[in-house]
């Protein structure tokens, strides 16, 4: 993509459904019941194509019924094996492990791939499933899991991992007895998944808190679902407004789902407020630097961090960014440095000294959010910024280019 500066942003944009962080997980959960599931507000991103191929590989039938609507038919017999050539492309593929094990009593899932943002081990997934009675082996790049019947257990996560919480939750809903997940992830996407499971007939309490209690049931039934608005996309637009200046309205999302982003942007000088159907934001003066540390929800999410670094690179003053979740997520700052950003990286920390403007340069997107951050930085960089490997961005954003263009940004295919 090619990005050129174009002045302040103005206008209204509808935030997309959270396909990557919520939709993919609910698609995997649909495997828990025999029947037809209707999914709405599911915009197409590259990672969705991979998950649909995974569902087809295990025996589900998938059919699009509208631009952002599809049906999943899991009435037939499932083949509980997710092949390497698909799973290696996307981390969220591991989310089929819990549902397949719970429904079929066995699962064979290749170890997943995804963004190269640091180590994301699966130990917590495996220990939790073993606590429920599963037998697991990891050999030749595959996870083989079996059980006669999953049984409820008390599971304490050493870190509030979103992926582990999701996998254990979707296994526990068909386990015998009560499962308690302590130190569970509290993200809104967990609450969205739980609401879907409860509509299927599950008995889950405590979603959105650090303790989730699941009373297992004998079977679930297929149910419809509508995916929540994408809070990461919303945060991307807010930070774009902070960098370029202007006034924007976002619909289809709730400020409470990204409250810490609103707080930090407020500290940087923006005005951010909830509206009846979304979020209003205005940036009149240059941003002021703040310190940011990523933390599990309700803290400042790691997915927002790359865009925040871009904003700090164009702010007044010096900010320190600490990445507490992934050990390699700051690797992209070298690309911002190519654009003239003053950033010193030391392990999980980055010291960012803001500048009034950057300089357009050829750069490369390392992952979904890093690519978005480079696009935002290019909006206030003299000349033009050409971003290579844009396909990474398309894994998580259905139409970032179109949305930013609607607001007045100058971003086009190179």
Protein backbone atom coordinates (compact mmCIF):
# COMPACT_ATOMS: atom_id res chain seq x y z
CA UNK A 1 0.00 0.00 0.00
CA UNK A 2 1.04 3.59 -0.62
CA UNK A 3 0.26 6.22 2.05
CA UNK A 4 0.62 9.99 1.68
CA UNK A 5 -0.27 12.76 4.17
CA UNK A 6 -3.71 14.27 3.54
CA UNK A 7 -4.60 16.41 6.54
CA UNK A 8 -7.18 15.88 9.32
CA UNK A 9 -9.67 13.00 9.27
CA UNK A 10 -13.40 13.67 9.27
CA UNK A 11 -16.52 11.57 8.94
CA UNK A 12 -18.31 8.48 10.21
CA UNK A 13 -17.27 4.84 9.87
CA UNK A 14 -19.07 1.67 10.92
CA UNK A 15 -16.68 -0.60 12.80
CA UNK A 16 -16.51 -4.12 11.40
CA UNK A 17 -17.48 -7.27 13.24
CA UNK A 18 -14.60 -8.78 15.23
CA UNK A 19 -13.97 -11.70 12.88
CA UNK A 20 -10.38 -12.36 13.93
CA UNK A 21 -10.64 -12.11 17.71
CA UNK A 22 -14.24 -13.23 18.29
CA UNK A 23 -15.77 -14.71 15.15
CA UNK A 24 -13.13 -17.39 14.56
CA UNK A 25 -13.54 -18.67 18.12
CA UNK A 26 -17.32 -18.94 17.79
CA UNK A 27 -16.96 -20.76 14.48
CA UNK A 28 -14.81 -23.34 16.26
CA UNK A 29 -17.37 -23.57 19.08
CA UNK A 30 -20.10 -24.38 16.54
CA UNK A 31 -18.47 -27.82 16.25
CA UNK A 32 -19.79 -28.66 19.74
CA UNK A 33 -23.35 -29.30 18.52
CA UNK A 34 -24.95 -31.16 15.63
CA UNK A 35 -27.03 -28.85 13.49
CA UNK A 36 -26.95 -25.60 11.56
CA UNK A 37 -25.49 -22.40 13.00
CA UNK A 38 -26.19 -18.99 11.42
CA UNK A 39 -23.43 -16.40 11.93
CA UNK A 40 -23.97 -12.68 11.25
CA UNK A 41 -21.72 -9.59 11.23
CA UNK A 42 -18.77 -11.68 10.07
CA UNK A 43 -16.72 -9.63 7.56
CA UNK A 44 -14.26 -11.53 5.40
CA UNK A 45 -10.60 -11.39 6.35
CA UNK A 46 -7.78 -13.71 5.30
CA UNK A 47 -7.77 -15.60 8.61
CA UNK A 48 -11.46 -16.38 8.16
CA UNK A 49 -10.70 -18.23 4.92
CA UNK A 50 -8.27 -20.44 6.82
CA UNK A 51 -10.73 -21.22 9.60
CA UNK A 52 -13.47 -22.10 7.13
CA UNK A 53 -11.07 -24.51 5.43
CA UNK A 54 -10.31 -26.05 8.84
CA UNK A 55 -14.04 -26.51 9.49
CA UNK A 56 -14.50 -28.15 6.11
CA UNK A 57 -11.51 -30.42 6.76
CA UNK A 58 -13.11 -31.77 9.95
CA UNK A 59 -16.44 -32.46 8.22
CA UNK A 60 -18.56 -29.31 8.55
CA UNK A 61 -20.39 -27.76 5.60
CA UNK A 62 -19.99 -24.00 5.23
CA UNK A 63 -22.11 -21.78 3.00
CA UNK A 64 -22.20 -18.00 2.60
CA UNK A 65 -25.76 -16.63 2.74
CA UNK A 66 -24.91 -12.90 2.54
CA UNK A 67 -21.98 -10.50 2.42
CA UNK A 68 -21.24 -11.01 6.12
CA UNK A 69 -23.46 -13.98 6.93
CA UNK A 70 -22.84 -17.71 6.69
CA UNK A 71 -24.17 -21.04 7.90
CA UNK A 72 -22.21 -23.92 9.37
CA UNK A 73 -23.79 -27.37 9.19
CA UNK A 74 -22.22 -29.83 11.62
CA UNK A 75 -24.94 -32.47 11.33
CA UNK A 76 -22.69 -35.07 9.74
CA UNK A 77 -20.00 -37.17 11.37
CA UNK A 78 -16.90 -35.12 12.13
CA UNK A 79 -13.35 -36.18 11.29
CA UNK A 80 -11.45 -34.79 14.30
CA UNK A 81 -8.18 -33.94 12.57
CA UNK A 82 -7.04 -30.42 11.65
CA UNK A 83 -4.23 -30.71 9.05
CA UNK A 84 -0.87 -28.99 9.27
CA UNK A 85 -1.12 -27.15 5.95
CA UNK A 86 -4.07 -25.17 7.34
CA UNK A 87 -3.30 -24.84 11.05
CA UNK A 88 0.24 -23.60 10.41
CA UNK A 89 -1.22 -20.47 8.81
CA UNK A 90 -3.14 -19.18 11.82
CA UNK A 91 -2.91 -19.36 15.60
CA UNK A 92 -6.69 -19.43 16.15
CA UNK A 93 -6.87 -22.88 14.50
CA UNK A 94 -5.91 -24.38 17.87
CA UNK A 95 -9.40 -23.37 19.06
CA UNK A 96 -10.87 -26.47 17.42
CA UNK A 97 -8.98 -28.68 19.91
CA UNK A 98 -11.40 -28.21 22.82
CA UNK A 99 -14.64 -28.60 20.82
CA UNK A 100 -13.43 -31.66 18.87
CA UNK A 101 -12.19 -33.39 22.03
CA UNK A 102 -15.44 -32.63 23.88
CA UNK A 103 -17.75 -33.81 21.08
CA UNK A 104 -15.74 -36.64 19.52
CA UNK A 105 -13.64 -37.87 22.43
CA UNK A 106 -10.51 -37.36 20.37
CA UNK A 107 -8.71 -34.72 18.35
CA UNK A 108 -5.56 -34.50 16.28
CA UNK A 109 -4.54 -30.90 15.65
CA UNK A 110 -1.33 -29.61 14.14
CA UNK A 111 0.64 -27.13 16.21
CA UNK A 112 -0.43 -23.66 15.02
CA UNK A 113 1.33 -20.81 13.28
CA UNK A 114 0.37 -17.12 13.04
CA UNK A 115 2.05 -13.77 13.60
CA UNK A 116 5.72 -13.83 14.55
CA UNK A 117 5.34 -11.72 17.67
CA UNK A 118 6.98 -14.00 20.21
CA UNK A 119 6.57 -17.29 22.03
CA UNK A 120 2.99 -18.32 22.72
CA UNK A 121 3.25 -21.75 24.30
CA UNK A 122 0.30 -24.07 24.65
CA UNK A 123 1.21 -25.52 28.06
CA UNK A 124 -1.82 -23.99 29.79
CA UNK A 125 -4.18 -25.44 27.16
CA UNK A 126 -2.70 -28.90 27.64
CA UNK A 127 -2.51 -28.87 31.44
CA UNK A 128 -6.13 -27.75 31.69
CA UNK A 129 -7.38 -30.47 29.34
CA UNK A 130 -5.33 -33.08 31.22
CA UNK A 131 -6.90 -31.88 34.48
CA UNK A 132 -10.28 -32.71 32.90
CA UNK A 133 -9.11 -36.24 32.11
CA UNK A 134 -7.70 -35.97 28.59
CA UNK A 135 -4.58 -37.84 27.55
CA UNK A 136 -2.33 -35.71 25.33
CA UNK A 137 0.81 -36.39 23.37
CA UNK A 138 2.74 -33.92 21.22
CA UNK A 139 4.78 -35.61 18.49
CA UNK A 140 5.87 -34.76 14.96
CA UNK A 141 4.17 -31.38 15.06
CA UNK A 142 0.74 -32.66 16.11
CA UNK A 143 -1.27 -32.64 19.32
CA UNK A 144 -3.09 -35.95 19.84
CA UNK A 145 -5.78 -35.80 22.51
CA UNK A 146 -8.12 -38.53 23.73
CA UNK A 147 -10.59 -39.08 26.54
CA UNK A 148 -13.31 -41.51 27.53
CA UNK A 149 -15.22 -38.63 29.09
CA UNK A 150 -14.07 -35.21 30.20
CA UNK A 151 -14.72 -34.48 33.87
CA UNK A 152 -15.04 -31.17 35.65
CA UNK A 153 -11.97 -29.82 37.40
CA UNK A 154 -10.56 -26.72 39.08
CA UNK A 155 -8.00 -25.14 36.75
CA UNK A 156 -5.75 -22.24 37.72
CA UNK A 157 -4.10 -20.49 34.76
CA UNK A 158 -0.64 -19.08 35.43
CA UNK A 159 -1.50 -16.20 33.09
CA UNK A 160 -4.95 -15.01 31.93
CA UNK A 161 -4.46 -16.41 28.44
CA UNK A 162 -7.31 -15.72 26.04
CA UNK A 163 -6.62 -18.81 23.92
CA UNK A 164 -6.34 -21.16 26.90
CA UNK A 165 -9.51 -19.76 28.46
CA UNK A 166 -11.39 -20.28 25.19
CA UNK A 167 -10.16 -23.84 24.63
CA UNK A 168 -10.85 -24.95 28.21
CA UNK A 169 -14.24 -23.24 28.22
CA UNK A 170 -15.35 -25.01 25.04
CA UNK A 171 -14.17 -28.36 26.38
CA UNK A 172 -15.76 -27.89 29.81
CA UNK A 173 -19.29 -27.23 28.52
CA UNK A 174 -19.69 -30.95 27.69
CA UNK A 175 -17.66 -32.30 30.62
CA UNK A 176 -19.31 -34.18 33.49
CA UNK A 177 -19.64 -32.02 36.58
CA UNK A 178 -18.39 -28.55 37.39
CA UNK A 179 -15.29 -26.88 35.99
CA UNK A 180 -13.87 -23.73 37.56
CA UNK A 181 -11.30 -21.72 35.60
CA UNK A 182 -9.36 -19.37 37.87
CA UNK A 183 -7.32 -16.41 36.57
CA UNK A 184 -9.38 -16.63 33.40
CA UNK A 185 -9.08 -14.05 30.62
CA UNK A 186 -11.63 -11.24 31.00
CA UNK A 187 -11.70 -9.85 27.43
CA UNK A 188 -15.05 -8.87 25.87
CA UNK A 189 -14.46 -11.58 23.25
CA UNK A 190 -14.65 -14.18 26.06
CA UNK A 191 -18.02 -12.76 27.08
CA UNK A 192 -19.16 -12.86 23.44
CA UNK A 193 -18.13 -16.53 23.15
CA UNK A 194 -19.83 -17.40 26.44
CA UNK A 195 -23.09 -15.79 25.35
CA UNK A 196 -23.02 -17.99 22.24
CA UNK A 197 -22.32 -21.13 24.28
CA UNK A 198 -25.18 -20.35 26.67
CA UNK A 199 -27.56 -19.89 23.72
CA UNK A 200 -26.46 -23.40 22.68
CA UNK A 201 -27.59 -24.69 26.07
CA UNK A 202 -24.36 -24.46 28.08
CA UNK A 203 -24.34 -23.36 31.73
CA UNK A 204 -21.50 -20.84 32.08
CA UNK A 205 -21.26 -18.14 34.75
CA UNK A 206 -18.64 -15.47 35.44
CA UNK A 207 -17.53 -14.48 31.93
CA UNK A 208 -15.84 -11.10 32.12
CA UNK A 209 -14.43 -11.91 35.58
CA UNK A 210 -11.31 -13.82 36.59
CA UNK A 211 -13.35 -16.86 37.73
CA UNK A 212 -15.51 -18.73 35.22
CA UNK A 213 -17.72 -21.59 36.40
CA UNK A 214 -19.03 -24.17 33.95
CA UNK A 215 -21.62 -26.80 34.79
CA UNK A 216 -21.30 -29.46 32.10
CA UNK A 217 -24.34 -30.60 30.11
CA UNK A 218 -24.98 -33.79 28.15
CA UNK A 219 -25.41 -32.08 24.79
CA UNK A 220 -25.71 -28.72 23.10
CA UNK A 221 -27.92 -27.53 20.25
CA UNK A 222 -26.98 -25.33 17.30
CA UNK A 223 -27.76 -21.64 17.80
CA UNK A 224 -27.43 -18.38 15.89
CA UNK A 225 -24.86 -15.74 16.72
CA UNK A 226 -23.98 -12.15 15.79
CA UNK A 227 -20.34 -11.16 16.20
CA UNK A 228 -19.48 -8.14 18.36
CA UNK A 229 -17.85 -5.00 16.95
CA UNK A 230 -14.09 -5.10 16.55
CA UNK A 231 -12.58 -3.04 19.38
CA UNK A 232 -9.08 -3.34 17.89
CA UNK A 233 -10.24 -1.84 14.61
CA UNK A 234 -12.00 0.91 16.57
CA UNK A 235 -8.79 1.68 18.47
CA UNK A 236 -6.91 1.83 15.18
CA UNK A 237 -9.28 4.51 13.88
CA UNK A 238 -9.04 6.48 17.13
CA UNK A 239 -5.24 6.53 16.97
CA UNK A 240 -5.38 7.47 13.29
CA UNK A 241 -7.46 10.49 14.30
CA UNK A 242 -4.94 11.33 17.01
CA UNK A 243 -2.05 11.27 14.53
CA UNK A 244 -3.73 13.08 11.63
CA UNK A 245 -6.03 15.30 13.72
CA UNK A 246 -9.70 15.86 12.99
CA UNK A 247 -13.06 14.63 14.25
CA UNK A 248 -14.58 11.19 13.66
CA UNK A 249 -17.59 9.11 14.69
CA UNK A 250 -17.45 5.32 15.00
CA UNK A 251 -20.60 3.20 15.07
CA UNK A 252 -21.11 -0.45 15.96
CA UNK A 253 -18.70 -0.53 18.91
CA UNK A 254 -18.76 0.29 22.64
CA UNK A 255 -16.18 2.55 24.28
CA UNK A 256 -16.25 0.40 27.42
CA UNK A 257 -14.62 -2.39 25.39
CA UNK A 258 -11.53 -0.23 24.82
CA UNK A 259 -11.77 2.05 27.82
CA UNK A 260 -8.03 2.11 28.56
CA UNK A 261 -7.31 3.28 25.00
CA UNK A 262 -9.78 6.11 25.53
CA UNK A 263 -8.09 7.00 28.83
CA UNK A 264 -4.59 7.07 27.29
CA UNK A 265 -5.71 9.09 24.28
CA UNK A 266 -7.40 11.50 26.66
CA UNK A 267 -4.11 11.84 28.53
CA UNK A 268 -2.45 12.57 25.18
CA UNK A 269 -4.84 15.46 24.53
CA UNK A 270 -7.67 13.91 22.52
CA UNK A 271 -11.34 14.11 23.38
CA UNK A 272 -13.01 10.68 23.31
CA UNK A 273 -16.62 10.09 24.37
CA UNK A 274 -19.28 7.37 24.05
CA UNK A 275 -22.32 7.98 21.85
CA UNK A 276 -25.63 6.08 21.72
CA UNK A 277 -24.33 3.93 18.86
CA UNK A 278 -20.55 4.13 19.19
CA UNK A 279 -17.69 6.55 19.89
CA UNK A 280 -16.93 10.20 19.07
CA UNK A 281 -13.34 11.47 18.99
CA UNK A 282 -11.62 14.76 18.24
CA UNK A 283 -7.95 15.76 18.04
CA UNK A 284 -7.17 19.45 17.66
CA UNK A 285 -3.71 19.88 19.18
CA UNK A 286 -0.59 17.71 18.69
CA UNK A 287 -0.56 14.61 20.90
CA UNK A 288 1.39 14.71 24.17
CA UNK A 289 3.61 11.74 25.05
CA UNK A 290 2.58 9.28 27.78
CA UNK A 291 3.96 6.00 29.11
CA UNK A 292 2.15 2.80 28.09
CA UNK A 293 2.40 -0.75 29.45
CA UNK A 294 0.45 -3.59 27.85
CA UNK A 295 -1.55 -5.83 30.17
CA UNK A 296 -4.40 -8.34 29.94
CA UNK A 297 -7.90 -6.87 29.82
CA UNK A 298 -9.01 -4.44 31.21
CA UNK A 299 -5.48 -3.11 30.77
CA UNK A 300 -4.01 -1.68 27.58
CA UNK A 301 -4.20 -4.58 25.10
CA UNK A 302 -1.06 -5.71 23.30
CA UNK A 303 -2.92 -5.50 19.97
CA UNK A 304 -3.16 -1.72 20.41
CA UNK A 305 0.54 -1.29 21.18
CA UNK A 306 2.00 -0.95 17.64
CA UNK A 307 -0.44 1.82 16.74
CA UNK A 308 0.28 3.51 20.06
CA UNK A 309 4.01 3.50 19.29
CA UNK A 310 3.26 5.19 15.94
CA UNK A 311 1.21 7.82 17.79
CA UNK A 312 4.00 8.42 20.31
CA UNK A 313 6.53 8.76 17.47
CA UNK A 314 4.47 11.76 16.30
CA UNK A 315 3.76 13.30 19.70
CA UNK A 316 5.39 16.02 21.79
CA UNK A 317 7.73 14.67 24.46
CA UNK A 318 9.07 11.22 25.33
CA UNK A 319 7.07 8.11 26.17
CA UNK A 320 8.17 4.69 27.40
CA UNK A 321 6.36 1.62 26.06
CA UNK A 322 6.57 -1.69 27.92
CA UNK A 323 5.32 -4.86 26.20
CA UNK A 324 4.33 -7.37 28.91
CA UNK A 325 2.55 -9.99 26.81
CA UNK A 326 4.64 -11.02 23.78
CA UNK A 327 8.43 -11.05 23.81
CA UNK A 328 9.00 -10.10 20.17
CA UNK A 329 6.18 -7.68 19.45
CA UNK A 330 8.46 -4.61 19.37
CA UNK A 331 10.49 -5.92 16.44
CA UNK A 332 8.51 -3.71 14.06
CA UNK A 333 9.98 -0.47 15.51
CA UNK A 334 12.95 -0.84 13.16
CA UNK A 335 10.53 -0.16 10.30
CA UNK A 336 9.29 3.00 12.01
CA UNK A 337 12.92 4.03 12.45
CA UNK A 338 13.30 3.82 8.67
CA UNK A 339 10.70 6.57 8.54
CA UNK A 340 12.73 8.74 10.90
CA UNK A 341 11.08 7.79 14.19
CA UNK A 342 13.33 8.25 17.23
CA UNK A 343 12.91 4.96 19.07
CA UNK A 344 15.40 3.12 21.27
CA UNK A 345 14.44 -0.47 21.98
CA UNK A 346 15.75 -2.47 24.92
CA UNK A 347 14.15 -5.91 25.19
CA UNK A 348 10.49 -5.46 26.10
CA UNK A 349 10.87 -1.69 26.44
CA UNK A 350 10.97 1.12 23.89
CA UNK A 351 11.80 4.75 24.56
CA UNK A 352 9.97 6.87 21.97
CA UNK A 353 10.94 10.51 21.45
CA UNK A 354 8.24 12.23 19.45
CA UNK A 355 8.77 14.31 16.34
CA UNK A 356 6.41 16.69 14.50
CA UNK A 357 6.60 14.69 11.28
CA UNK A 358 8.23 11.56 9.89
CA UNK A 359 9.66 10.87 6.44
CA UNK A 360 8.02 8.52 3.96
CA UNK A 361 10.03 5.38 3.20
CA UNK A 362 9.64 1.82 1.91
CA UNK A 363 8.78 -0.42 4.88
CA UNK A 364 7.49 -3.93 5.53
CA UNK A 365 4.56 -5.16 7.62
CA UNK A 366 5.72 -7.91 10.00
CA UNK A 367 2.24 -8.73 11.30
CA UNK A 368 -1.37 -7.51 11.33
CA UNK A 369 -1.06 -4.65 13.82
CA UNK A 370 2.46 -3.62 12.83
CA UNK A 371 1.24 -3.07 9.27
CA UNK A 372 -1.64 -0.92 10.52
CA UNK A 373 0.81 1.11 12.64
CA UNK A 374 2.99 1.82 9.61
CA UNK A 375 -0.05 3.01 7.66
CA UNK A 376 -0.98 5.39 10.48
CA UNK A 377 2.56 6.73 10.70
CA UNK A 378 2.56 7.32 6.93
CA UNK A 379 -0.42 9.65 7.34
CA UNK A 380 1.94 12.19 8.90
CA UNK A 381 5.14 11.44 6.99
CA UNK A 382 6.46 13.75 4.27
CA UNK A 383 6.44 12.18 0.82
CA UNK A 384 5.04 8.69 0.46
CA UNK A 385 5.29 5.52 2.51
CA UNK A 386 5.09 2.21 0.64
CA UNK A 387 4.20 -0.77 2.84
CA UNK A 388 5.19 -4.21 1.58
CA UNK A 389 3.58 -7.51 2.72
CA UNK A 390 0.21 -5.80 3.22
CA UNK A 391 -1.44 -9.24 3.18
CA UNK A 392 -0.62 -9.46 6.90
CA UNK A 393 -2.95 -6.52 7.55
CA UNK A 394 -5.72 -8.18 5.54
CA UNK A 395 -5.58 -11.15 7.92
CA UNK A 396 -7.28 -9.03 10.58
CA UNK A 397 -8.85 -5.97 8.90
CA UNK A 398 -11.60 -6.53 6.30
CA UNK A 399 -11.22 -3.09 4.70
CA UNK A 400 -8.79 -0.83 6.54
CA UNK A 401 -7.90 1.00 3.33
CA UNK A 402 -11.52 1.76 2.46
CA UNK A 403 -12.41 2.91 5.96
CA UNK A 404 -9.40 5.23 6.30
CA UNK A 405 -10.07 6.58 2.81
CA UNK A 406 -13.67 7.34 3.78
CA UNK A 407 -12.31 9.47 6.62
CA UNK A 408 -10.03 11.37 4.24
CA UNK A 409 -6.75 9.46 4.38
CA UNK A 410 -4.68 9.07 1.20
CA UNK A 411 -3.98 5.34 1.06
CA UNK A 412 -4.02 3.38 -2.20
CA UNK A 413 -2.53 0.21 -3.69
CA UNK A 414 1.11 0.75 -4.63
